C-alpha cells in the first residue's frame, strides 16, 4: 500500500472509533503497528493515529471492565428495577 492509502485508512479507523465503534481502534493498531515497524519512514500522522488508537482502545477496555465489575457486584443490591437494562420482559 502507498503511504497515502495507509494514512487514509488509519485516519478513517481512528475517527470511526469515536462513533461508538472502539474496536476499530484495536483493529487499527493490530493492523498498522507491524507496518510501522517494517517501514520506519512513514508519516508522523500515521504514527499519531496508530498510537492514539491503541491508547483509546486501552482506555475503552479499562472502562468496560470497570463497568462490568460494578454491574456484577451491585446488580442484586440495585433491585428489580435494574433488570430492564439487561432482561427483556415481553408484555402480554
PDB file of N, CA and C in Angstrom:
ATOM      1  N   UNK A   1       0.840  -1.181   0.000  1.00  0.00           N
ATOM      2  CA  UNK A   1       0.000   0.000   0.000  1.00  0.00           C
ATOM      3  C   UNK A   1       0.886   1.246   0.000  1.00  0.00           C
ATOM      4  N   UNK A   2       0.371   2.273  -0.605  1.00  0.00           N
ATOM      5  CA  UNK A   2       1.103   3.534  -0.591  1.00  0.00           C
ATOM      6  C   UNK A   2       0.898   4.227   0.758  1.00  0.00           C
ATOM      7  N   UNK A   3       1.747   5.201   1.020  1.00  0.00           N
ATOM      8  CA  UNK A   3       1.653   5.938   2.285  1.00  0.00           C
ATOM      9  C   UNK A   3       0.328   6.678   2.403  1.00  0.00           C
ATOM     10  N   UNK A   4      -0.167   7.203   1.303  1.00  0.00           N
ATOM     11  CA  UNK A   4      -1.443   7.919   1.316  1.00  0.00           C
ATOM     12  C   UNK A   4      -2.603   6.980   1.643  1.00  0.00           C
ATOM     13  N   UNK A   5      -2.572   5.762   1.106  1.00  0.00           N
ATOM     14  CA  UNK A   5      -3.629   4.791   1.410  1.00  0.00           C
ATOM     15  C   UNK A   5      -3.589   4.389   2.882  1.00  0.00           C
ATOM     16  N   UNK A   6      -2.397   4.170   3.398  1.00  0.00           N
ATOM     17  CA  UNK A   6      -2.251   3.815   4.810  1.00  0.00           C
ATOM     18  C   UNK A   6      -2.774   4.946   5.683  1.00  0.00           C
ATOM     19  N   UNK A   7      -2.404   6.177   5.355  1.00  0.00           N
ATOM     20  CA  UNK A   7      -2.865   7.331   6.122  1.00  0.00           C
ATOM     21  C   UNK A   7      -4.378   7.456   6.069  1.00  0.00           C
ATOM     22  N   UNK A   8      -4.964   7.282   4.891  1.00  0.00           N
ATOM     23  CA  UNK A   8      -6.408   7.405   4.738  1.00  0.00           C
ATOM     24  C   UNK A   8      -7.151   6.349   5.558  1.00  0.00           C
ATOM     25  N   UNK A   9      -6.721   5.099   5.470  1.00  0.00           N
ATOM     26  CA  UNK A   9      -7.390   4.022   6.201  1.00  0.00           C
ATOM     27  C   UNK A   9      -7.208   4.194   7.699  1.00  0.00           C
ATOM     28  N   UNK A  10      -5.995   4.514   8.109  1.00  0.00           N
ATOM     29  CA  UNK A  10      -5.716   4.688   9.538  1.00  0.00           C
ATOM     30  C   UNK A  10      -6.532   5.845  10.124  1.00  0.00           C
ATOM     31  N   UNK A  11      -6.636   6.916   9.377  1.00  0.00           N
ATOM     32  CA  UNK A  11      -7.411   8.081   9.829  1.00  0.00           C
ATOM     33  C   UNK A  11      -8.895   7.741   9.947  1.00  0.00           C
ATOM     34  N   UNK A  12      -9.436   7.028   8.960  1.00  0.00           N
ATOM     35  CA  UNK A  12     -10.853   6.639   8.995  1.00  0.00           C
ATOM     36  C   UNK A  12     -11.135   5.713  10.178  1.00  0.00           C
ATOM     37  N   UNK A  13     -10.235   4.777  10.431  1.00  0.00           N
ATOM     38  CA  UNK A  13     -10.436   3.856  11.548  1.00  0.00           C
ATOM     39  C   UNK A  13     -10.311   4.586  12.881  1.00  0.00           C
ATOM     40  N   UNK A  14      -9.407   5.553  12.968  1.00  0.00           N
ATOM     41  CA  UNK A  14      -9.240   6.325  14.194  1.00  0.00           C
ATOM     42  C   UNK A  14     -10.517   7.098  14.510  1.00  0.00           C
ATOM     43  N   UNK A  15     -11.032   7.827  13.538  1.00  0.00           N
ATOM     44  CA  UNK A  15     -12.240   8.606  13.782  1.00  0.00           C
ATOM     45  C   UNK A  15     -13.481   7.707  13.904  1.00  0.00           C
ATOM     46  N   UNK A  16     -13.471   6.559  13.257  1.00  0.00           N
ATOM     47  CA  UNK A  16     -14.556   5.604  13.408  1.00  0.00           C
ATOM     48  C   UNK A  16     -14.675   5.089  14.834  1.00  0.00           C
ATOM     49  N   UNK A  17     -13.572   5.039  15.552  1.00  0.00           N
ATOM     50  CA  UNK A  17     -13.587   4.608  16.942  1.00  0.00           C
ATOM     51  C   UNK A  17     -14.366   5.543  17.841  1.00  0.00           C
ATOM     52  N   UNK A  18     -14.462   6.801  17.462  1.00  0.00           N
ATOM     53  CA  UNK A  18     -15.229   7.765  18.245  1.00  0.00           C
ATOM     54  C   UNK A  18     -16.736   7.641  18.013  1.00  0.00           C
ATOM     55  N   UNK A  19     -17.129   6.935  16.966  1.00  0.00           N
ATOM     56  CA  UNK A  19     -18.536   6.790  16.630  1.00  0.00           C
ATOM     57  C   UNK A  19     -19.050   5.465  17.217  1.00  0.00           C
ATOM     58  N   UNK A  20     -18.763   5.268  18.495  1.00  0.00           N
ATOM     59  CA  UNK A  20     -19.219   4.095  19.239  1.00  0.00           C
ATOM     60  C   UNK A  20     -18.757   2.784  18.618  1.00  0.00           C
ATOM     61  N   UNK A  21     -17.617   2.793  17.953  1.00  0.00           N
ATOM     62  CA  UNK A  21     -17.019   1.583  17.401  1.00  0.00           C
ATOM     63  C   UNK A  21     -15.561   1.478  17.874  1.00  0.00           C
ATOM     64  N   UNK A  22     -15.337   1.428  19.183  1.00  0.00           N
ATOM     65  CA  UNK A  22     -13.955   1.454  19.674  1.00  0.00           C
ATOM     66  C   UNK A  22     -13.134   0.227  19.298  1.00  0.00           C
ATOM     67  N   UNK A  23     -13.772  -0.833  18.838  1.00  0.00           N
ATOM     68  CA  UNK A  23     -12.999  -1.980  18.376  1.00  0.00           C
ATOM     69  C   UNK A  23     -12.190  -1.619  17.134  1.00  0.00           C
ATOM     70  N   UNK A  24     -12.612  -0.586  16.407  1.00  0.00           N
ATOM     71  CA  UNK A  24     -11.831  -0.129  15.251  1.00  0.00           C
ATOM     72  C   UNK A  24     -10.457   0.386  15.679  1.00  0.00           C
ATOM     73  N   UNK A  25     -10.387   0.974  16.872  1.00  0.00           N
ATOM     74  CA  UNK A  25      -9.081   1.412  17.374  1.00  0.00           C
ATOM     75  C   UNK A  25      -8.148   0.227  17.535  1.00  0.00           C
ATOM     76  N   UNK A  26      -8.673  -0.844  18.097  1.00  0.00           N
ATOM     77  CA  UNK A  26      -7.853  -2.038  18.294  1.00  0.00           C
ATOM     78  C   UNK A  26      -7.438  -2.637  16.951  1.00  0.00           C
ATOM     79  N   UNK A  27      -8.366  -2.722  16.018  1.00  0.00           N
ATOM     80  CA  UNK A  27      -8.046  -3.248  14.688  1.00  0.00           C
ATOM     81  C   UNK A  27      -7.011  -2.358  14.001  1.00  0.00           C
ATOM     82  N   UNK A  28      -7.154  -1.054  14.138  1.00  0.00           N
ATOM     83  CA  UNK A  28      -6.198  -0.105  13.554  1.00  0.00           C
ATOM     84  C   UNK A  28      -4.799  -0.366  14.095  1.00  0.00           C
ATOM     85  N   UNK A  29      -4.689  -0.535  15.384  1.00  0.00           N
ATOM     86  CA  UNK A  29      -3.378  -0.761  15.996  1.00  0.00           C
ATOM     87  C   UNK A  29      -2.812  -2.126  15.597  1.00  0.00           C
ATOM     88  N   UNK A  30      -3.645  -3.165  15.638  1.00  0.00           N
ATOM     89  CA  UNK A  30      -3.167  -4.512  15.300  1.00  0.00           C
ATOM     90  C   UNK A  30      -2.701  -4.571  13.845  1.00  0.00           C
ATOM     91  N   UNK A  31      -3.411  -3.911  12.970  1.00  0.00           N
ATOM     92  CA  UNK A  31      -3.082  -3.979  11.549  1.00  0.00           C
ATOM     93  C   UNK A  31      -1.886  -3.107  11.176  1.00  0.00           C
ATOM     94  N   UNK A  32      -1.837  -1.884  11.696  1.00  0.00           N
ATOM     95  CA  UNK A  32      -0.819  -0.948  11.229  1.00  0.00           C
ATOM     96  C   UNK A  32       0.441  -0.899  12.084  1.00  0.00           C
ATOM     97  N   UNK A  33       0.415  -1.428  13.282  1.00  0.00           N
ATOM     98  CA  UNK A  33       1.629  -1.416  14.098  1.00  0.00           C
ATOM     99  C   UNK A  33       2.771  -2.198  13.436  1.00  0.00           C
ATOM    100  N   UNK A  34       2.541  -3.416  12.904  1.00  0.00           N
ATOM    101  CA  UNK A  34       3.631  -4.097  12.198  1.00  0.00           C
ATOM    102  C   UNK A  34       4.090  -3.347  10.943  1.00  0.00           C
ATOM    103  N   UNK A  35       3.158  -2.679  10.277  1.00  0.00           N
ATOM    104  CA  UNK A  35       3.522  -1.902   9.089  1.00  0.00           C
ATOM    105  C   UNK A  35       4.470  -0.767   9.469  1.00  0.00           C
ATOM    106  N   UNK A  36       4.197  -0.120  10.610  1.00  0.00           N
ATOM    107  CA  UNK A  36       5.072   0.966  11.057  1.00  0.00           C
ATOM    108  C   UNK A  36       6.459   0.454  11.407  1.00  0.00           C
ATOM    109  N   UNK A  37       6.552  -0.755  11.919  1.00  0.00           N
ATOM    110  CA  UNK A  37       7.858  -1.330  12.254  1.00  0.00           C
ATOM    111  C   UNK A  37       8.623  -1.758  11.005  1.00  0.00           C
ATOM    112  N   UNK A  38       7.899  -2.205   9.978  1.00  0.00           N
ATOM    113  CA  UNK A  38       8.548  -2.630   8.734  1.00  0.00           C
ATOM    114  C   UNK A  38       8.975  -1.445   7.878  1.00  0.00           C
ATOM    115  N   UNK A  39       8.226  -0.363   7.949  1.00  0.00           N
ATOM    116  CA  UNK A  39       8.512   0.830   7.135  1.00  0.00           C
ATOM    117  C   UNK A  39       8.688   2.034   8.050  1.00  0.00           C
ATOM    118  N   UNK A  40       9.874   2.210   8.624  1.00  0.00           N
ATOM    119  CA  UNK A  40      10.075   3.270   9.627  1.00  0.00           C
ATOM    120  C   UNK A  40       9.990   4.699   9.081  1.00  0.00           C
ATOM    121  N   UNK A  41      10.011   4.896   7.795  1.00  0.00           N
ATOM    122  CA  UNK A  41       9.988   6.240   7.241  1.00  0.00           C
ATOM    123  C   UNK A  41       8.603   6.799   6.980  1.00  0.00           C
ATOM    124  N   UNK A  42       7.576   6.159   7.484  1.00  0.00           N
ATOM    125  CA  UNK A  42       6.208   6.628   7.231  1.00  0.00           C
ATOM    126  C   UNK A  42       5.922   7.929   7.985  1.00  0.00           C
ATOM    127  N   UNK A  43       4.885   8.593   7.561  1.00  0.00           N
ATOM    128  CA  UNK A  43       4.493   9.894   8.091  1.00  0.00           C
ATOM    129  C   UNK A  43       4.222   9.857   9.597  1.00  0.00           C
ATOM    130  N   UNK A  44       4.493  10.982  10.244  1.00  0.00           N
ATOM    131  CA  UNK A  44       4.212  11.117  11.687  1.00  0.00           C
ATOM    132  C   UNK A  44       2.705  11.092  11.950  1.00  0.00           C
ATOM    133  N   UNK A  45       1.902  11.479  10.974  1.00  0.00           N
ATOM    134  CA  UNK A  45       0.447  11.446  11.140  1.00  0.00           C
ATOM    135  C   UNK A  45      -0.034  10.004  11.316  1.00  0.00           C
ATOM    136  N   UNK A  46       0.554   9.084  10.565  1.00  0.00           N
ATOM    137  CA  UNK A  46       0.186   7.680  10.692  1.00  0.00           C
ATOM    138  C   UNK A  46       0.564   7.170  12.077  1.00  0.00           C
ATOM    139  N   UNK A  47       1.757   7.535  12.527  1.00  0.00           N
ATOM    140  CA  UNK A  47       2.183   7.162  13.881  1.00  0.00           C
ATOM    141  C   UNK A  47       1.208   7.706  14.922  1.00  0.00           C
ATOM    142  N   UNK A  48       0.760   8.939  14.737  1.00  0.00           N
ATOM    143  CA  UNK A  48      -0.196   9.555  15.663  1.00  0.00           C
ATOM    144  C   UNK A  48      -1.486   8.754  15.728  1.00  0.00           C
ATOM    145  N   UNK A  49      -2.066   8.440  14.557  1.00  0.00           N
ATOM    146  CA  UNK A  49      -3.338   7.722  14.532  1.00  0.00           C
ATOM    147  C   UNK A  49      -3.218   6.326  15.123  1.00  0.00           C
ATOM    148  N   UNK A  50      -2.122   5.644  14.847  1.00  0.00           N
ATOM    149  CA  UNK A  50      -1.939   4.284  15.358  1.00  0.00           C
ATOM    150  C   UNK A  50      -1.706   4.309  16.865  1.00  0.00           C
ATOM    151  N   UNK A  51      -0.864   5.233  17.329  1.00  0.00           N
ATOM    152  CA  UNK A  51      -0.572   5.312  18.763  1.00  0.00           C
ATOM    153  C   UNK A  51      -1.819   5.671  19.557  1.00  0.00           C
ATOM    154  N   UNK A  52      -2.556   6.657  19.097  1.00  0.00           N
ATOM    155  CA  UNK A  52      -3.744   7.081  19.836  1.00  0.00           C
ATOM    156  C   UNK A  52      -4.896   6.100  19.684  1.00  0.00           C
ATOM    157  N   UNK A  53      -4.885   5.298  18.640  1.00  0.00           N
ATOM    158  CA  UNK A  53      -5.865   4.217  18.540  1.00  0.00           C
ATOM    159  C   UNK A  53      -5.613   3.191  19.635  1.00  0.00           C
ATOM    160  N   UNK A  54      -4.350   2.874  19.880  1.00  0.00           N
ATOM    161  CA  UNK A  54      -4.022   1.930  20.950  1.00  0.00           C
ATOM    162  C   UNK A  54      -4.413   2.500  22.313  1.00  0.00           C
ATOM    163  N   UNK A  55      -4.123   3.763  22.528  1.00  0.00           N
ATOM    164  CA  UNK A  55      -4.477   4.400  23.799  1.00  0.00           C
ATOM    165  C   UNK A  55      -5.993   4.426  23.974  1.00  0.00           C
ATOM    166  N   UNK A  56      -6.732   4.783  22.934  1.00  0.00           N
ATOM    167  CA  UNK A  56      -8.189   4.804  23.002  1.00  0.00           C
ATOM    168  C   UNK A  56      -8.772   3.431  23.277  1.00  0.00           C
ATOM    169  N   UNK A  57      -8.245   2.408  22.616  1.00  0.00           N
ATOM    170  CA  UNK A  57      -8.735   1.042  22.845  1.00  0.00           C
ATOM    171  C   UNK A  57      -8.430   0.590  24.266  1.00  0.00           C
ATOM    172  N   UNK A  58      -7.280   0.969  24.774  1.00  0.00           N
ATOM    173  CA  UNK A  58      -6.913   0.596  26.150  1.00  0.00           C
ATOM    174  C   UNK A  58      -7.829   1.267  27.162  1.00  0.00           C
ATOM    175  N   UNK A  59      -8.077   2.552  26.993  1.00  0.00           N
ATOM    176  CA  UNK A  59      -8.967   3.276  27.907  1.00  0.00           C
ATOM    177  C   UNK A  59     -10.373   2.690  27.839  1.00  0.00           C
ATOM    178  N   UNK A  60     -10.846   2.399  26.634  1.00  0.00           N
ATOM    179  CA  UNK A  60     -12.171   1.819  26.467  1.00  0.00           C
ATOM    180  C   UNK A  60     -12.264   0.464  27.158  1.00  0.00           C
ATOM    181  N   UNK A  61     -11.232  -0.365  27.022  1.00  0.00           N
ATOM    182  CA  UNK A  61     -11.239  -1.693  27.655  1.00  0.00           C
ATOM    183  C   UNK A  61     -11.257  -1.584  29.180  1.00  0.00           C
ATOM    184  N   UNK A  62     -10.496  -0.628  29.716  1.00  0.00           N
ATOM    185  CA  UNK A  62     -10.475  -0.430  31.169  1.00  0.00           C
ATOM    186  C   UNK A  62     -11.841   0.040  31.657  1.00  0.00           C
ATOM    187  N   UNK A  63     -12.440   0.991  30.963  1.00  0.00           N
ATOM    188  CA  UNK A  63     -13.769   1.471  31.363  1.00  0.00           C
ATOM    189  C   UNK A  63     -14.822   0.374  31.262  1.00  0.00           C
ATOM    190  N   UNK A  64     -14.739  -0.444  30.232  1.00  0.00           N
ATOM    191  CA  UNK A  64     -15.675  -1.556  30.101  1.00  0.00           C
ATOM    192  C   UNK A  64     -15.501  -2.555  31.243  1.00  0.00           C
ATOM    193  N   UNK A  65     -14.257  -2.859  31.590  1.00  0.00           N
ATOM    194  CA  UNK A  65     -14.003  -3.788  32.699  1.00  0.00           C
ATOM    195  C   UNK A  65     -14.511  -3.221  34.019  1.00  0.00           C
ATOM    196  N   UNK A  66     -14.315  -1.926  34.235  1.00  0.00           N
ATOM    197  CA  UNK A  66     -14.812  -1.293  35.456  1.00  0.00           C
ATOM    198  C   UNK A  66     -16.331  -1.375  35.507  1.00  0.00           C
ATOM    199  N   UNK A  67     -16.997  -1.091  34.388  1.00  0.00           N
ATOM    200  CA  UNK A  67     -18.454  -1.158  34.363  1.00  0.00           C
ATOM    201  C   UNK A  67     -18.939  -2.586  34.630  1.00  0.00           C
ATOM    202  N   UNK A  68     -18.300  -3.570  34.051  1.00  0.00           N
ATOM    203  CA  UNK A  68     -18.697  -4.962  34.274  1.00  0.00           C
ATOM    204  C   UNK A  68     -18.546  -5.341  35.742  1.00  0.00           C
ATOM    205  N   UNK A  69     -17.441  -4.939  36.353  1.00  0.00           N
ATOM    206  CA  UNK A  69     -17.223  -5.245  37.773  1.00  0.00           C
ATOM    207  C   UNK A  69     -18.277  -4.562  38.642  1.00  0.00           C
ATOM    208  N   UNK A  70     -18.527  -3.282  38.393  1.00  0.00           N
ATOM    209  CA  UNK A  70     -19.534  -2.556  39.179  1.00  0.00           C
ATOM    210  C   UNK A  70     -20.908  -3.185  38.990  1.00  0.00           C
ATOM    211  N   UNK A  71     -21.271  -3.490  37.770  1.00  0.00           N
ATOM    212  CA  UNK A  71     -22.588  -4.049  37.497  1.00  0.00           C
ATOM    213  C   UNK A  71     -22.756  -5.416  38.147  1.00  0.00           C
ATOM    214  N   UNK A  72     -21.753  -6.271  38.006  1.00  0.00           N
ATOM    215  CA  UNK A  72     -21.872  -7.619  38.553  1.00  0.00           C
ATOM    216  C   UNK A  72     -21.885  -7.633  40.084  1.00  0.00           C
ATOM    217  N   UNK A  73     -21.160  -6.723  40.710  1.00  0.00           N
ATOM    218  CA  UNK A  73     -21.129  -6.713  42.175  1.00  0.00           C
ATOM    219  C   UNK A  73     -22.341  -6.011  42.786  1.00  0.00           C
ATOM    220  N   UNK A  74     -23.004  -5.121  42.057  1.00  0.00           N
ATOM    221  CA  UNK A  74     -24.122  -4.356  42.611  1.00  0.00           C
ATOM    222  C   UNK A  74     -25.482  -4.709  42.023  1.00  0.00           C
ATOM    223  N   UNK A  75     -25.531  -5.656  41.114  1.00  0.00           N
ATOM    224  CA  UNK A  75     -26.777  -5.983  40.425  1.00  0.00           C
ATOM    225  C   UNK A  75     -27.880  -6.367  41.400  1.00  0.00           C
ATOM    226  N   UNK A  76     -27.586  -7.191  42.349  1.00  0.00           N
ATOM    227  CA  UNK A  76     -28.592  -7.639  43.324  1.00  0.00           C
ATOM    228  C   UNK A  76     -29.015  -6.483  44.224  1.00  0.00           C
ATOM    229  N   UNK A  77     -28.051  -5.686  44.646  1.00  0.00           N
ATOM    230  CA  UNK A  77     -28.330  -4.565  45.544  1.00  0.00           C
ATOM    231  C   UNK A  77     -29.225  -3.516  44.886  1.00  0.00           C
ATOM    232  N   UNK A  78     -29.102  -3.339  43.579  1.00  0.00           N
ATOM    233  CA  UNK A  78     -29.898  -2.334  42.888  1.00  0.00           C
ATOM    234  C   UNK A  78     -31.355  -2.741  42.743  1.00  0.00           C
ATOM    235  N   UNK A  79     -31.662  -4.009  42.899  1.00  0.00           N
ATOM    236  CA  UNK A  79     -33.048  -4.461  42.890  1.00  0.00           C
ATOM    237  C   UNK A  79     -33.588  -4.778  41.510  1.00  0.00           C
ATOM    238  N   UNK A  80     -34.887  -4.998  41.481  1.00  0.00           N
ATOM    239  CA  UNK A  80     -35.538  -5.456  40.256  1.00  0.00           C
ATOM    240  C   UNK A  80     -35.636  -4.376  39.184  1.00  0.00           C
ATOM    241  N   UNK A  81     -35.566  -3.104  39.558  1.00  0.00           N
ATOM    242  CA  UNK A  81     -35.710  -2.029  38.566  1.00  0.00           C
ATOM    243  C   UNK A  81     -34.587  -2.035  37.542  1.00  0.00           C
ATOM    244  N   UNK A  82     -33.419  -2.495  37.934  1.00  0.00           N
ATOM    245  CA  UNK A  82     -32.273  -2.529  37.014  1.00  0.00           C
ATOM    246  C   UNK A  82     -32.416  -3.654  35.980  1.00  0.00           C
ATOM    247  N   UNK A  83     -33.317  -4.592  36.214  1.00  0.00           N
ATOM    248  CA  UNK A  83     -33.499  -5.706  35.284  1.00  0.00           C
ATOM    249  C   UNK A  83     -33.879  -5.240  33.885  1.00  0.00           C
ATOM    250  N   UNK A  84     -34.490  -4.103  33.781  1.00  0.00           N
ATOM    251  CA  UNK A  84     -34.878  -3.569  32.473  1.00  0.00           C
ATOM    252  C   UNK A  84     -33.698  -3.252  31.579  1.00  0.00           C
ATOM    253  N   UNK A  85     -32.521  -3.119  32.143  1.00  0.00           N
ATOM    254  CA  UNK A  85     -31.332  -2.833  31.353  1.00  0.00           C
ATOM    255  C   UNK A  85     -30.758  -4.065  30.673  1.00  0.00           C
ATOM    256  N   UNK A  86     -31.015  -5.229  31.228  1.00  0.00           N
ATOM    257  CA  UNK A  86     -30.383  -6.411  30.657  1.00  0.00           C
ATOM    258  C   UNK A  86     -31.322  -7.593  30.424  1.00  0.00           C
ATOM    259  N   UNK A  87     -32.564  -7.463  30.792  1.00  0.00           N
ATOM    260  CA  UNK A  87     -33.529  -8.537  30.571  1.00  0.00           C
ATOM    261  C   UNK A  87     -34.737  -7.936  29.853  1.00  0.00           C
ATOM    262  N   UNK A  88     -35.133  -8.558  28.767  1.00  0.00           N
ATOM    263  CA  UNK A  88     -36.326  -8.102  28.063  1.00  0.00           C
ATOM    264  C   UNK A  88     -37.499  -8.941  28.527  1.00  0.00           C
ATOM    265  N   UNK A  89     -38.463  -8.293  29.133  1.00  0.00           N
ATOM    266  CA  UNK A  89     -39.655  -8.973  29.620  1.00  0.00           C
ATOM    267  C   UNK A  89     -40.805  -8.575  28.696  1.00  0.00           C
ATOM    268  N   UNK A  90     -41.279  -9.516  27.883  1.00  0.00           N
ATOM    269  CA  UNK A  90     -42.355  -9.162  26.961  1.00  0.00           C
ATOM    270  C   UNK A  90     -43.663  -8.875  27.696  1.00  0.00           C
ATOM    271  N   UNK A  91     -44.380  -7.903  27.236  1.00  0.00           N
ATOM    272  CA  UNK A  91     -45.680  -7.544  27.816  1.00  0.00           C
ATOM    273  C   UNK A  91     -46.752  -8.404  27.186  1.00  0.00           C
ATOM    274  N   UNK A  92     -47.723  -8.824  28.015  1.00  0.00           N
ATOM    275  CA  UNK A  92     -48.848  -9.532  27.467  1.00  0.00           C
ATOM    276  C   UNK A  92     -48.902 -10.951  27.699  1.00  0.00           C
TER     277      UNK A  92
END
